[in-house]
Protein backbone atom coordinates (compact mmCIF):
# COMPACT_ATOMS: atom_id res chain seq x y z
CA MET A 1 -0.18 -0.35 -0.17
CA LEU A 2 2.85 2.36 0.75
CA PHE A 3 4.70 1.57 -2.83
CA ILE A 4 0.98 3.14 -4.06
CA LEU A 5 1.30 6.03 -2.56
CA PHE A 6 4.73 6.75 -3.33
CA ILE A 7 4.21 5.90 -7.00
CA PHE A 8 1.39 8.01 -6.81
CA GLY A 9 3.55 10.53 -5.80
CA ILE A 10 5.95 10.38 -8.20
CA VAL A 11 3.38 10.09 -11.04
CA LEU A 12 2.28 13.47 -9.73
CA VAL A 13 5.33 15.11 -10.05
CA VAL A 14 6.69 14.58 -13.09
CA TRP A 15 2.76 15.46 -14.25
CA GLY A 16 3.40 18.91 -12.71
CA ILE A 17 6.68 19.44 -13.70
CA TYR A 18 5.74 18.56 -17.31
CA ARG A 19 2.69 20.88 -17.24
CA MET A 20 4.68 23.70 -15.88
CA ARG A 21 6.91 23.35 -18.56
CA ARG A 22 4.05 22.44 -21.56
CA ASP A 23 0.62 24.54 -20.34
CA ASP A 24 0.44 28.08 -22.30
CA GLY A 25 -0.68 31.35 -20.59
CA LEU A 26 -2.64 34.26 -21.06
CA PHE A 27 0.40 36.25 -20.70
CA GLY A 28 4.17 36.37 -20.71
CA LYS A 29 7.23 36.01 -22.64
CA ASN A 30 8.59 32.89 -20.99
CA GLN A 31 7.59 29.81 -19.33
CA LYS A 32 7.92 31.44 -15.85
CA SER A 33 5.74 34.45 -16.10
CA LYS A 34 3.64 32.72 -17.84
CA ASN A 35 2.90 30.54 -14.80
CA ILE A 36 3.06 33.71 -12.55
CA PHE A 37 0.40 35.29 -14.45
CA ASN A 38 -1.81 31.95 -14.70
CA LEU A 39 -1.14 32.31 -10.45
CA LEU A 40 -2.03 36.00 -10.15
CA LEU A 41 -4.97 35.79 -12.79
CA MET A 42 -6.34 32.83 -12.37
CA GLY A 43 -5.48 31.32 -8.95
CA GLU A 44 -3.65 28.43 -10.51
CA ALA A 45 -0.54 27.50 -11.52
CA SER A 46 0.05 25.17 -14.30
CA GLY A 47 0.92 22.01 -12.98
CA LEU A 48 1.89 23.87 -9.47
CA GLY A 49 -0.99 22.17 -7.98
CA GLN A 50 -0.09 18.32 -9.19
CA PHE A 51 3.36 19.36 -8.60
CA LEU A 52 2.95 19.79 -4.78
CA SER A 53 0.01 17.01 -4.05
CA GLY A 54 3.07 14.92 -5.59
CA ILE A 55 5.52 15.92 -3.06
CA LEU A 56 2.78 15.51 -0.19
CA CYS A 57 2.32 12.10 -1.04
CA ILE A 58 6.44 10.99 -0.69
CA ILE A 59 6.47 12.89 2.34
CA LEU A 60 2.74 10.85 3.66
CA GLY A 61 4.37 7.86 2.75
CA VAL A 62 7.67 8.28 4.27
CA ILE A 63 6.12 8.95 7.56
CA ALA A 64 3.71 6.16 7.06
CA PHE A 65 7.11 3.90 6.68
CA ILE A 66 8.26 5.39 9.75
CA VAL A 67 4.98 5.49 12.02
CA ARG A 68 4.74 1.73 10.74
């Protein structure tokens, strides 16, 4: 069960990194500024939620492994 949490976390991190690099934004010349404008205007950055939730899944998996 813990391995599923690790794998799911890794998939989310990779998906978040992919979306942060590939998604288009409304304004901006480079991808970093596009993600910042998306965060400010729409309340979300492309892939940031997936990236952070993937890190959270990995951390929870480590904590569950230590507690177990």
